C-alpha atoms as a PDB file:
ATOM      1  CA  MET A   1     181.025 171.208 -67.436  1.00  0.00           C
ATOM      2  CA  LYS A   2     181.026 167.478 -67.471  1.00  0.00           C
ATOM      3  CA  LYS A   3     177.810 165.588 -66.883  1.00  0.00           C
ATOM      4  CA  LEU A   4     177.203 164.314 -63.306  1.00  0.00           C
ATOM      5  CA  HIS A   5     176.145 160.874 -62.719  1.00  0.00           C
ATOM      6  CA  ARG A   6     173.438 160.366 -59.688  1.00  0.00           C
ATOM      7  CA  LYS A   7     173.129 157.486 -57.327  1.00  0.00           C
ATOM      8  CA  ILE A   8     170.107 157.289 -54.872  1.00  0.00           C
ATOM      9  CA  TYR A   9     170.659 155.737 -51.345  1.00  0.00           C
ATOM     10  CA  LEU A  10     168.122 154.584 -48.935  1.00  0.00           C
ATOM     11  CA  ILE A  11     167.951 155.463 -45.317  1.00  0.00           C
ATOM     12  CA  GLY A  12     165.470 153.844 -43.221  1.00  0.00           C
ATOM     13  CA  GLY A  13     163.896 152.474 -46.475  1.00  0.00           C
ATOM     14  CA  GLU A  14     163.299 156.007 -47.730  1.00  0.00           C
ATOM     15  CA  PRO A  15     165.302 157.751 -50.677  1.00  0.00           C
ATOM     16  CA  GLU A  16     166.965 160.247 -48.498  1.00  0.00           C
ATOM     17  CA  LEU A  17     170.319 160.661 -49.917  1.00  0.00           C
ATOM     18  CA  ALA A  18     171.695 161.500 -53.385  1.00  0.00           C
ATOM     19  CA  VAL A  19     175.132 161.617 -54.555  1.00  0.00           C
ATOM     20  CA  TYR A  20     176.301 163.317 -57.764  1.00  0.00           C
ATOM     21  CA  GLY A  21     179.725 162.564 -59.131  1.00  0.00           C
ATOM     22  CA  ASP A  22     181.765 163.270 -62.152  1.00  0.00           C
ATOM     23  CA  ILE A  23     183.789 159.941 -62.206  1.00  0.00           C
ATOM     24  CA  ALA A  24     183.143 156.432 -61.048  1.00  0.00           C
ATOM     25  CA  ALA A  25     185.552 156.589 -58.210  1.00  0.00           C
ATOM     26  CA  VAL A  26     183.253 159.119 -56.443  1.00  0.00           C
ATOM     27  CA  PHE A  27     180.747 156.235 -55.658  1.00  0.00           C
ATOM     28  CA  LYS A  28     183.334 153.793 -54.652  1.00  0.00           C
ATOM     29  CA  ALA A  29     184.561 156.501 -52.180  1.00  0.00           C
ATOM     30  CA  THR A  30     180.940 156.546 -50.499  1.00  0.00           C
ATOM     31  CA  GLU A  31     181.289 152.810 -49.558  1.00  0.00           C
ATOM     32  CA  LEU A  32     177.426 152.675 -49.714  1.00  0.00           C
ATOM     33  CA  ARG A  33     174.983 150.506 -51.297  1.00  0.00           C
ATOM     34  CA  THR A  34     172.761 152.123 -53.948  1.00  0.00           C
ATOM     35  CA  ALA A  35     169.074 151.728 -53.981  1.00  0.00           C
ATOM     36  CA  TYR A  36     167.824 148.936 -56.077  1.00  0.00           C
ATOM     37  CA  ASP A  37     165.309 151.172 -57.917  1.00  0.00           C
ATOM     38  CA  GLN A  38     167.445 154.047 -59.400  1.00  0.00           C
ATOM     39  CA  SER A  39     164.223 155.759 -60.840  1.00  0.00           C
ATOM     40  CA  THR A  40     162.861 156.178 -57.287  1.00  0.00           C
ATOM     41  CA  GLY A  41     162.173 159.923 -56.718  1.00  0.00           C
ATOM     42  CA  LEU A  42     164.130 161.758 -54.018  1.00  0.00           C
ATOM     43  CA  LYS A  43     162.273 162.983 -51.086  1.00  0.00           C
ATOM     44  CA  SER A  44     161.926 166.962 -51.268  1.00  0.00           C
ATOM     45  CA  ASP A  45     164.181 167.330 -48.405  1.00  0.00           C
ATOM     46  CA  ALA A  46     166.718 164.616 -49.049  1.00  0.00           C
ATOM     47  CA  ILE A  47     170.446 165.158 -48.509  1.00  0.00           C
ATOM     48  CA  ARG A  48     172.266 165.883 -51.734  1.00  0.00           C
ATOM     49  CA  ILE A  49     175.948 165.677 -52.195  1.00  0.00           C
ATOM     50  CA  TYR A  50     177.973 166.841 -55.315  1.00  0.00           C
ATOM     51  CA  PHE A  51     181.222 165.045 -55.267  1.00  0.00           C
ATOM     52  CA  PHE A  52     183.972 165.819 -57.707  1.00  0.00           C
ATOM     53  CA  GLY A  53     187.153 163.531 -58.085  1.00  0.00           C
ATOM     54  CA  GLY A  54     188.595 164.037 -61.514  1.00  0.00           C
ATOM     55  CA  ALA A  55     191.946 165.427 -62.255  1.00  0.00           C
ATOM     56  CA  SER A  56     190.310 168.716 -63.924  1.00  0.00           C
ATOM     57  CA  CYS A  57     188.687 169.576 -60.653  1.00  0.00           C
ATOM     58  CA  GLY A  58     192.077 170.738 -59.237  1.00  0.00           C
ATOM     59  CA  ASN A  59     191.638 174.392 -60.318  1.00  0.00           C
ATOM     60  CA  ILE A  60     188.219 174.483 -58.343  1.00  0.00           C
ATOM     61  CA  SER A  61     188.781 176.935 -55.323  1.00  0.00           C
ATOM     62  CA  VAL A  62     186.442 177.762 -52.188  1.00  0.00           C
ATOM     63  CA  GLU A  63     186.134 181.400 -51.163  1.00  0.00           C
ATOM     64  CA  ILE A  64     185.422 181.479 -47.440  1.00  0.00           C
ATOM     65  CA  PRO A  65     183.969 184.637 -46.144  1.00  0.00           C
ATOM     66  CA  HIS A  66     186.320 186.688 -43.811  1.00  0.00           C
ATOM     67  CA  THR A  67     183.566 186.538 -41.221  1.00  0.00           C
ATOM     68  CA  ALA A  68     183.774 182.738 -41.025  1.00  0.00           C
ATOM     69  CA  HIS A  69     184.861 181.454 -37.689  1.00  0.00           C
ATOM     70  CA  LEU A  70     187.112 178.593 -36.760  1.00  0.00           C
ATOM     71  CA  ILE A  71     185.274 175.689 -35.173  1.00  0.00           C
ATOM     72  CA  TYR A  72     187.782 172.811 -35.474  1.00  0.00           C
ATOM     73  CA  GLU A  73     191.464 172.768 -36.306  1.00  0.00           C
ATOM     74  CA  SER A  74     194.119 169.997 -36.224  1.00  0.00           C
ATOM     75  CA  GLU A  75     197.529 169.321 -38.231  1.00  0.00           C
ATOM     76  CA  ASP A  76     195.540 167.940 -40.826  1.00  0.00           C
ATOM     77  CA  VAL A  77     191.937 169.425 -40.988  1.00  0.00           C
ATOM     78  CA  VAL A  78     190.433 172.792 -40.522  1.00  0.00           C
ATOM     79  CA  LEU A  79     186.910 173.599 -40.144  1.00  0.00           C
ATOM     80  CA  LYS A  80     185.109 176.912 -40.273  1.00  0.00           C
ATOM     81  CA  ALA A  81     181.549 178.228 -39.969  1.00  0.00           C
ATOM     82  CA  HIS A  82     179.461 180.968 -41.535  1.00  0.00           C
ATOM     83  CA  GLY A  83     175.875 180.738 -40.379  1.00  0.00           C
ATOM     84  CA  ALA A  84     174.619 177.438 -41.528  1.00  0.00           C
ATOM     85  CA  VAL A  85     177.511 176.901 -44.109  1.00  0.00           C
ATOM     86  CA  ARG A  86     180.697 174.684 -43.043  1.00  0.00           C
ATOM     87  CA  TYR A  87     183.847 174.904 -45.063  1.00  0.00           C
ATOM     88  CA  GLY A  88     186.312 172.210 -44.790  1.00  0.00           C
ATOM     89  CA  ASP A  89     189.976 171.707 -45.863  1.00  0.00           C
ATOM     90  CA  TRP A  90     190.851 168.123 -45.350  1.00  0.00           C
ATOM     91  CA  TYR A  91     194.648 166.901 -45.401  1.00  0.00           C
ATOM     92  CA  GLY A  92     195.654 169.187 -48.030  1.00  0.00           C
ATOM     93  CA  LYS A  93     193.942 166.911 -50.493  1.00  0.00           C
ATOM     94  CA  ALA A  94     190.137 167.833 -50.318  1.00  0.00           C
ATOM     95  CA  LEU A  95     187.896 170.887 -49.871  1.00  0.00           C
ATOM     96  CA  SER A  96     184.239 170.834 -48.920  1.00  0.00           C
ATOM     97  CA  VAL A  97     181.233 173.253 -48.407  1.00  0.00           C
ATOM     98  CA  ALA A  98     178.097 172.009 -46.636  1.00  0.00           C
ATOM     99  CA  ASP A  99     175.075 174.047 -46.034  1.00  0.00           C
ATOM    100  CA  LEU A 100     173.361 172.532 -43.101  1.00  0.00           C
ATOM    101  CA  GLN A 101     170.085 174.338 -43.728  1.00  0.00           C
ATOM    102  CA  ARG A 102     169.746 173.229 -47.307  1.00  0.00           C
ATOM    103  CA  LYS A 103     171.158 169.882 -46.738  1.00  0.00           C
ATOM    104  CA  LYS A 104     173.429 170.125 -49.646  1.00  0.00           C
ATOM    105  CA  ALA A 105     177.429 169.856 -49.969  1.00  0.00           C
ATOM    106  CA  VAL A 106     180.090 170.030 -52.359  1.00  0.00           C
ATOM    107  CA  ILE A 107     183.096 167.807 -51.953  1.00  0.00           C
ATOM    108  CA  VAL A 108     186.388 168.349 -54.111  1.00  0.00           C
ATOM    109  CA  VAL A 109     188.946 165.618 -54.252  1.00  0.00           C
ATOM    110  CA  PRO A 110     191.391 166.271 -57.040  1.00  0.00           C
ATOM    111  CA  GLY A 111     193.004 163.026 -58.575  1.00  0.00           C
ATOM    112  CA  LEU A 112     190.709 160.683 -56.374  1.00  0.00           C
ATOM    113  CA  ASN A 113     191.608 157.531 -58.429  1.00  0.00           C
ATOM    114  CA  LYS A 114     195.201 158.068 -57.032  1.00  0.00           C
ATOM    115  CA  LEU A 115     194.088 157.969 -53.669  1.00  0.00           C
ATOM    116  CA  ASN A 116     193.208 155.268 -50.974  1.00  0.00           C
ATOM    117  CA  ILE A 117     189.341 154.945 -51.382  1.00  0.00           C
ATOM    118  CA  ASP A 118     188.928 153.790 -47.839  1.00  0.00           C
ATOM    119  CA  PHE A 119     190.747 156.761 -46.419  1.00  0.00           C
ATOM    120  CA  VAL A 120     188.659 159.111 -48.523  1.00  0.00           C
ATOM    121  CA  SER A 121     185.542 157.401 -47.377  1.00  0.00           C
ATOM    122  CA  ARG A 122     186.239 157.477 -43.853  1.00  0.00           C
ATOM    123  CA  PHE A 123     188.146 160.688 -43.098  1.00  0.00           C
ATOM    124  CA  ILE A 124     186.611 163.127 -45.676  1.00  0.00           C
ATOM    125  CA  PHE A 125     183.273 161.775 -47.254  1.00  0.00           C
ATOM    126  CA  ARG A 126     181.862 160.369 -43.854  1.00  0.00           C
ATOM    127  CA  PRO A 127     182.527 163.568 -41.677  1.00  0.00           C
ATOM    128  CA  VAL A 128     180.738 165.753 -44.145  1.00  0.00           C
ATOM    129  CA  LEU A 129     177.968 163.128 -44.610  1.00  0.00           C
ATOM    130  CA  ASP A 130     177.443 163.039 -40.768  1.00  0.00           C
ATOM    131  CA  SER A 131     177.141 166.777 -40.344  1.00  0.00           C
ATOM    132  CA  LEU A 132     174.253 166.840 -43.113  1.00  0.00           C
ATOM    133  CA  LEU A 133     172.631 163.741 -41.280  1.00  0.00           C
ATOM    134  CA  ALA A 134     172.920 165.416 -37.809  1.00  0.00           C
ATOM    135  CA  ALA A 135     171.133 168.500 -39.537  1.00  0.00           C
ATOM    136  CA  SER A 136     168.472 166.377 -40.716  1.00  0.00           C
ATOM    137  CA  GLY A 137     167.759 164.847 -37.124  1.00  0.00           C
ATOM    138  CA  TYR A 138     169.831 161.751 -37.297  1.00  0.00           C
ATOM    139  CA  ILE A 139     172.513 161.039 -34.519  1.00  0.00           C
ATOM    140  CA  PRO A 140     175.217 159.029 -35.844  1.00  0.00           C
ATOM    141  CA  PHE A 141     176.980 156.333 -33.717  1.00  0.00           C
ATOM    142  CA  HIS A 142     180.035 154.292 -34.469  1.00  0.00           C
ATOM    143  CA  ALA A 143     178.185 150.948 -34.145  1.00  0.00           C
ATOM    144  CA  ALA A 144     176.785 147.918 -35.994  1.00  0.00           C
ATOM    145  CA  GLY A 145     173.132 146.851 -35.950  1.00  0.00           C
ATOM    146  CA  VAL A 146     170.583 144.042 -36.473  1.00  0.00           C
ATOM    147  CA  VAL A 147     166.972 143.490 -35.931  1.00  0.00           C
ATOM    148  CA  SER A 148     166.535 141.125 -33.015  1.00  0.00           C
ATOM    149  CA  SER A 149     163.125 139.465 -31.848  1.00  0.00           C
ATOM    150  CA  ASP A 150     161.866 142.488 -30.423  1.00  0.00           C
ATOM    151  CA  GLY A 151     163.369 145.746 -32.165  1.00  0.00           C
ATOM    152  CA  GLY A 152     166.895 147.009 -33.367  1.00  0.00           C
ATOM    153  CA  CYS A 153     169.909 145.746 -31.548  1.00  0.00           C
ATOM    154  CA  LEU A 154     173.019 148.095 -31.425  1.00  0.00           C
ATOM    155  CA  ILE A 155     176.362 146.189 -31.586  1.00  0.00           C
ATOM    156  CA  ILE A 156     179.201 148.458 -30.009  1.00  0.00           C
ATOM    157  CA  GLY A 157     182.875 147.976 -29.850  1.00  0.00           C
ATOM    158  CA  THR A 158     186.168 149.372 -30.757  1.00  0.00           C
ATOM    159  CA  ALA A 159     187.877 148.917 -34.158  1.00  0.00           C
ATOM    160  CA  GLY A 160     188.717 145.186 -34.425  1.00  0.00           C
ATOM    161  CA  ALA A 161     186.366 143.985 -31.616  1.00  0.00           C
ATOM    162  CA  GLY A 162     184.589 141.913 -34.086  1.00  0.00           C
ATOM    163  CA  LYS A 163     181.550 143.967 -34.813  1.00  0.00           C
ATOM    164  CA  SER A 164     181.493 142.986 -38.729  1.00  0.00           C
ATOM    165  CA  SER A 165     182.325 139.303 -37.904  1.00  0.00           C
ATOM    166  CA  LEU A 166     179.400 139.048 -35.428  1.00  0.00           C
ATOM    167  CA  VAL A 167     177.137 140.903 -37.908  1.00  0.00           C
ATOM    168  CA  LYS A 168     178.168 138.694 -40.839  1.00  0.00           C
ATOM    169  CA  GLY A 169     177.196 135.726 -38.615  1.00  0.00           C
ATOM    170  CA  LEU A 170     174.083 137.038 -37.289  1.00  0.00           C
ATOM    171  CA  VAL A 171     172.819 137.965 -40.864  1.00  0.00           C
ATOM    172  CA  GLU A 172     173.680 134.191 -41.999  1.00  0.00           C
ATOM    173  CA  SER A 173     171.866 133.132 -39.174  1.00  0.00           C
ATOM    174  CA  GLY A 174     168.705 134.893 -40.217  1.00  0.00           C
ATOM    175  CA  PHE A 175     168.642 138.182 -38.557  1.00  0.00           C
ATOM    176  CA  GLN A 176     167.999 141.520 -40.597  1.00  0.00           C
ATOM    177  CA  PHE A 177     170.839 143.759 -41.436  1.00  0.00           C
ATOM    178  CA  LEU A 178     170.808 147.393 -40.195  1.00  0.00           C
ATOM    179  CA  ALA A 179     174.389 148.643 -40.435  1.00  0.00           C
ATOM    180  CA  ASP A 180     177.933 147.677 -40.214  1.00  0.00           C
ATOM    181  CA  ASP A 181     179.784 150.813 -39.024  1.00  0.00           C
ATOM    182  CA  ARG A 182     177.373 153.641 -38.657  1.00  0.00           C
ATOM    183  CA  ILE A 183     174.023 153.631 -36.877  1.00  0.00           C
ATOM    184  CA  LEU A 184     171.618 156.241 -37.277  1.00  0.00           C
ATOM    185  CA  ILE A 185     169.231 156.978 -34.600  1.00  0.00           C
ATOM    186  CA  LYS A 186     166.498 159.456 -34.716  1.00  0.00           C
ATOM    187  CA  TYR A 187     163.360 160.542 -32.443  1.00  0.00           C
ATOM    188  CA  GLY A 188     160.040 159.120 -34.003  1.00  0.00           C
ATOM    189  CA  GLY A 189     156.719 160.952 -34.119  1.00  0.00           C
ATOM    190  CA  THR A 190     155.703 159.059 -30.879  1.00  0.00           C
ATOM    191  CA  GLY A 191     158.661 160.262 -29.093  1.00  0.00           C
ATOM    192  CA  GLY A 192     160.397 157.075 -29.194  1.00  0.00           C
ATOM    193  CA  LEU A 193     163.907 156.311 -30.628  1.00  0.00           C
ATOM    194  CA  PHE A 194     164.311 154.450 -33.670  1.00  0.00           C
ATOM    195  CA  ILE A 195     167.313 153.006 -35.836  1.00  0.00           C
ATOM    196  CA  HIS A 196     166.985 153.955 -39.405  1.00  0.00           C
ATOM    197  CA  ALA A 197     168.726 151.084 -41.662  1.00  0.00           C
ATOM    198  CA  PHE A 198     171.936 152.723 -43.285  1.00  0.00           C
ATOM    199  CA  PRO A 199     172.946 151.444 -46.794  1.00  0.00           C
ATOM    200  CA  GLU A 200     176.340 150.084 -45.945  1.00  0.00           C
ATOM    201  CA  PHE A 201     178.191 146.933 -46.745  1.00  0.00           C
ATOM    202  CA  ILE A 202     179.636 144.419 -44.294  1.00  0.00           C
ATOM    203  CA  ARG A 203     183.356 145.215 -44.038  1.00  0.00           C
ATOM    204  CA  TYR A 204     184.579 141.736 -43.282  1.00  0.00           C
ATOM    205  CA  ALA A 205     188.144 140.417 -42.996  1.00  0.00           C
ATOM    206  CA  GLY A 206     188.532 136.515 -42.682  1.00  0.00           C
ATOM    207  CA  SER A 207     191.575 137.044 -40.416  1.00  0.00           C
ATOM    208  CA  GLU A 208     193.553 139.851 -38.687  1.00  0.00           C
ATOM    209  CA  GLN A 209     196.007 139.631 -41.504  1.00  0.00           C
ATOM    210  CA  SER A 210     193.637 139.828 -44.384  1.00  0.00           C
ATOM    211  CA  LEU A 211     192.106 143.025 -46.062  1.00  0.00           C
ATOM    212  CA  LYS A 212     188.604 143.746 -45.544  1.00  0.00           C
ATOM    213  CA  ARG A 213     186.246 143.111 -48.542  1.00  0.00           C
ATOM    214  CA  MET A 214     182.777 144.407 -48.994  1.00  0.00           C
ATOM    215  CA  ILE A 215     179.842 141.953 -48.692  1.00  0.00           C
ATOM    216  CA  SER A 216     176.554 142.917 -49.621  1.00  0.00           C
ATOM    217  CA  PRO A 217     173.967 141.572 -46.863  1.00  0.00           C
ATOM    218  CA  PRO A 218     171.473 139.205 -48.422  1.00  0.00           C
ATOM    219  CA  ASP A 219     168.457 140.592 -46.199  1.00  0.00           C
ATOM    220  CA  THR A 220     168.457 144.322 -45.513  1.00  0.00           C
ATOM    221  CA  ALA A 221     165.773 145.826 -43.262  1.00  0.00           C
ATOM    222  CA  ASP A 222     164.973 148.914 -45.330  1.00  0.00           C
ATOM    223  CA  THR A 223     162.889 150.059 -42.523  1.00  0.00           C
ATOM    224  CA  VAL A 224     162.833 151.808 -39.283  1.00  0.00           C
ATOM    225  CA  VAL A 225     162.898 149.888 -35.902  1.00  0.00           C
ATOM    226  CA  PRO A 226     162.718 151.032 -32.173  1.00  0.00           C
ATOM    227  CA  VAL A 227     166.203 150.521 -30.070  1.00  0.00           C
ATOM    228  CA  THR A 228     165.355 147.792 -27.755  1.00  0.00           C
ATOM    229  CA  ARG A 229     168.863 145.998 -26.965  1.00  0.00           C
ATOM    230  CA  ILE A 230     172.599 146.941 -26.872  1.00  0.00           C
ATOM    231  CA  LEU A 231     175.546 144.589 -26.913  1.00  0.00           C
ATOM    232  CA  PHE A 232     178.854 145.704 -26.030  1.00  0.00           C
ATOM    233  CA  LEU A 233     181.847 143.671 -27.146  1.00  0.00           C
ATOM    234  CA  ASP A 234     184.950 143.823 -25.038  1.00  0.00           C
ATOM    235  CA  GLY A 235     187.129 142.657 -27.945  1.00  0.00           C
ATOM    236  CA  ASN A 236     189.379 140.434 -25.826  1.00  0.00           C
ATOM    237  CA  LYS A 237     189.965 137.887 -28.607  1.00  0.00           C
ATOM    238  CA  SER A 238     192.668 136.044 -26.378  1.00  0.00           C
ATOM    239  CA  ASP A 239     189.904 134.885 -23.791  1.00  0.00           C
ATOM    240  CA  ASN A 240     188.581 131.655 -25.166  1.00  0.00           C
ATOM    241  CA  SER A 241     185.654 131.577 -22.665  1.00  0.00           C
ATOM    242  CA  ILE A 242     182.413 133.478 -23.541  1.00  0.00           C
ATOM    243  CA  ASN A 243     180.541 135.157 -20.849  1.00  0.00           C
ATOM    244  CA  ILE A 244     177.471 137.494 -21.629  1.00  0.00           C
ATOM    245  CA  GLY A 245     176.579 139.496 -18.530  1.00  0.00           C
ATOM    246  CA  HIS A 246     173.803 142.167 -17.917  1.00  0.00           C
ATOM    247  CA  ILE A 247     174.930 146.002 -17.132  1.00  0.00           C
ATOM    248  CA  SER A 248     173.104 148.648 -15.547  1.00  0.00           C
ATOM    249  CA  LYS A 249     171.353 151.637 -17.700  1.00  0.00           C
ATOM    250  CA  ALA A 250     173.997 154.133 -16.129  1.00  0.00           C
ATOM    251  CA  GLU A 251     176.783 151.767 -17.122  1.00  0.00           C
ATOM    252  CA  ALA A 252     175.413 151.250 -20.657  1.00  0.00           C
ATOM    253  CA  ALA A 253     175.007 155.090 -21.055  1.00  0.00           C
ATOM    254  CA  ALA A 254     178.373 155.906 -20.026  1.00  0.00           C
ATOM    255  CA  LYS A 255     179.818 153.213 -22.419  1.00  0.00           C
ATOM    256  CA  LEU A 256     177.463 154.194 -25.318  1.00  0.00           C
ATOM    257  CA  MET A 257     178.608 158.048 -25.121  1.00  0.00           C
ATOM    258  CA  GLN A 258     182.057 156.830 -26.120  1.00  0.00           C
ATOM    259  CA  TYR A 259     180.813 156.080 -29.688  1.00  0.00           C
ATOM    260  CA  ILE A 260     178.917 159.184 -30.618  1.00  0.00           C
ATOM    261  CA  SER A 261     180.258 160.001 -33.841  1.00  0.00           C
ATOM    262  CA  SER A 262     183.349 162.345 -33.511  1.00  0.00           C
ATOM    263  CA  ASN A 263     182.349 164.627 -36.349  1.00  0.00           C
ATOM    264  CA  LEU A 264     179.545 166.396 -34.634  1.00  0.00           C
ATOM    265  CA  GLU A 265     179.608 169.944 -33.477  1.00  0.00           C
ATOM    266  CA  PRO A 266     179.431 170.805 -29.709  1.00  0.00           C
ATOM    267  CA  GLU A 267     175.545 171.527 -29.737  1.00  0.00           C
ATOM    268  CA  LEU A 268     174.831 168.335 -31.596  1.00  0.00           C
ATOM    269  CA  ARG A 269     177.101 166.382 -29.385  1.00  0.00           C
ATOM    270  CA  ARG A 270     175.133 167.666 -26.249  1.00  0.00           C
ATOM    271  CA  GLN A 271     172.023 166.607 -28.088  1.00  0.00           C
ATOM    272  CA  ALA A 272     173.458 163.153 -28.672  1.00  0.00           C
ATOM    273  CA  PHE A 273     174.437 162.750 -24.763  1.00  0.00           C
ATOM    274  CA  THR A 274     170.582 163.295 -24.045  1.00  0.00           C
ATOM    275  CA  ILE A 275     169.713 160.880 -26.901  1.00  0.00           C
ATOM    276  CA  THR A 276     172.131 158.359 -25.340  1.00  0.00           C
ATOM    277  CA  GLY A 277     170.487 158.570 -21.830  1.00  0.00           C
ATOM    278  CA  ASP A 278     167.138 158.033 -23.410  1.00  0.00           C
ATOM    279  CA  ILE A 279     168.273 154.842 -25.511  1.00  0.00           C
ATOM    280  CA  CYS A 280     169.663 153.318 -22.294  1.00  0.00           C
ATOM    281  CA  SER A 281     166.700 153.992 -20.250  1.00  0.00           C
ATOM    282  CA  THR A 282     164.408 152.028 -22.302  1.00  0.00           C
ATOM    283  CA  SER A 283     166.898 149.360 -23.715  1.00  0.00           C
ATOM    284  CA  TRP A 284     168.182 146.090 -22.323  1.00  0.00           C
ATOM    285  CA  ALA A 285     172.217 146.188 -22.264  1.00  0.00           C
ATOM    286  CA  CYS A 286     174.842 143.593 -21.941  1.00  0.00           C
ATOM    287  CA  VAL A 287     178.633 143.018 -22.160  1.00  0.00           C
ATOM    288  CA  VAL A 288     180.020 140.258 -24.394  1.00  0.00           C
ATOM    289  CA  ASN A 289     183.312 139.157 -22.762  1.00  0.00           C
ATOM    290  CA  GLY A 290     185.807 136.788 -24.370  1.00  0.00           C
ATOM    291  CA  TRP A 291     185.681 135.087 -27.887  1.00  0.00           C
ATOM    292  CA  GLY A 292     185.945 131.584 -27.971  1.00  0.00           C
ATOM    293  CA  ASP A 293     185.656 130.036 -31.461  1.00  0.00           C
ATOM    294  CA  PRO A 294     183.647 132.167 -34.062  1.00  0.00           C
ATOM    295  CA  HIS A 295     180.794 129.579 -34.445  1.00  0.00           C
ATOM    296  CA  GLY A 296     180.346 129.174 -30.445  1.00  0.00           C
ATOM    297  CA  TRP A 297     180.489 133.112 -30.032  1.00  0.00           C
ATOM    298  CA  ILE A 298     177.839 133.907 -32.681  1.00  0.00           C
ATOM    299  CA  GLN A 299     175.450 131.244 -31.386  1.00  0.00           C
ATOM    300  CA  ALA A 300     175.850 132.451 -27.699  1.00  0.00           C
ATOM    301  CA  VAL A 301     174.700 135.935 -29.057  1.00  0.00           C
ATOM    302  CA  THR A 302     172.036 134.548 -31.212  1.00  0.00           C
ATOM    303  CA  ASP A 303     170.595 132.822 -28.100  1.00  0.00           C
ATOM    304  CA  VAL A 304     170.767 136.145 -26.274  1.00  0.00           C
ATOM    305  CA  LEU A 305     169.023 138.051 -29.081  1.00  0.00           C
ATOM    306  CA  LYS A 306     166.258 135.364 -29.382  1.00  0.00           C
ATOM    307  CA  GLY A 307     165.597 135.342 -25.661  1.00  0.00           C
ATOM    308  CA  LYS A 308     166.937 131.837 -24.948  1.00  0.00           C
END
C-alpha cells in the first residue's frame, strides 16, 4: 500500500484532528489550515480520518452488514448505521465508513484530482467530519466567529449574506479569528458553553462575480472562548442604510436553530436544540439590517463589538 502522509489540525488550540492521505489533493479537499508545528503529538482521543483519493483506490469496496439500518436517503446520498458505525455512499463518487465511538473514519474518493475540490470538501468531507466532531461533544453550526471584547461572537447568515466579508474586515481591524463557515460549540468543565477555534481559511470573494479565494487569517485565536454575542446578518445588500437592533433571547434562539449543521443525526440535533437555547439565554444578540458601503458596515459592527 502507498505510504500515507499525515497532517495535524488544531481545534481550540489542541491537536484534535489528523488527516492521513495518499495524494496531495486530499489535503486541499479538507480546506483546513494545518497546525504550524506538525511534530505536535496528537491527543490520545483525537479524531483520525484516512482519506484516499488516488485513481488506484477505485477498487476499494465497503461491505455493509445486512443488519445495518437506513438513517438517511436522498437521490444522491445514502447513509446507514450499524451500532456506532456509519456507512455512506456519496453522489455515486465516494464511500465512507465512520466509527463514532473510536472517532475514526475512512473516506474513499477515486480520481479526486478530477473532481471539484470545493464540492468534495463541503458535501463529502465535511459531513463525515461533522459526525465525528458531534461524537466528540462538539455541536457544529453554520456560522463565522471572532473574539470580541468580552468573549466569542457568532456571526450568522445565509450563504452570500456577507459573513466572510465581515470576518475579513473585523480581522483586519484587530479582532481574533475563530472560524469562517463552521463554528464548534461545546460545554466546558464549568458547564458554560465555549467556542473552539476551527482551523479554516477565510473564503472571500471581492465581488459577487468573483470566485472565492482562501485567505489565511493573520491572527488566529488558537483557544477556547465563552459565547457572549450573536450577530445575525439579514443579507439585504440592496439597502444602503445600516441598522443594528437588539432582539429577544427567544427570537435569537429561533433564528440560531436554523443554522445547526444539517449533517447531524436526530438525537444529536435534539441536543443541539438544547444547546441553542442555552447559548441564547446567556448571550447578547442583535440583527444587522442593510449593508451600506463595506467600510461603513464593518465600522458599525466594530463599534458594537467594542461596546461603543
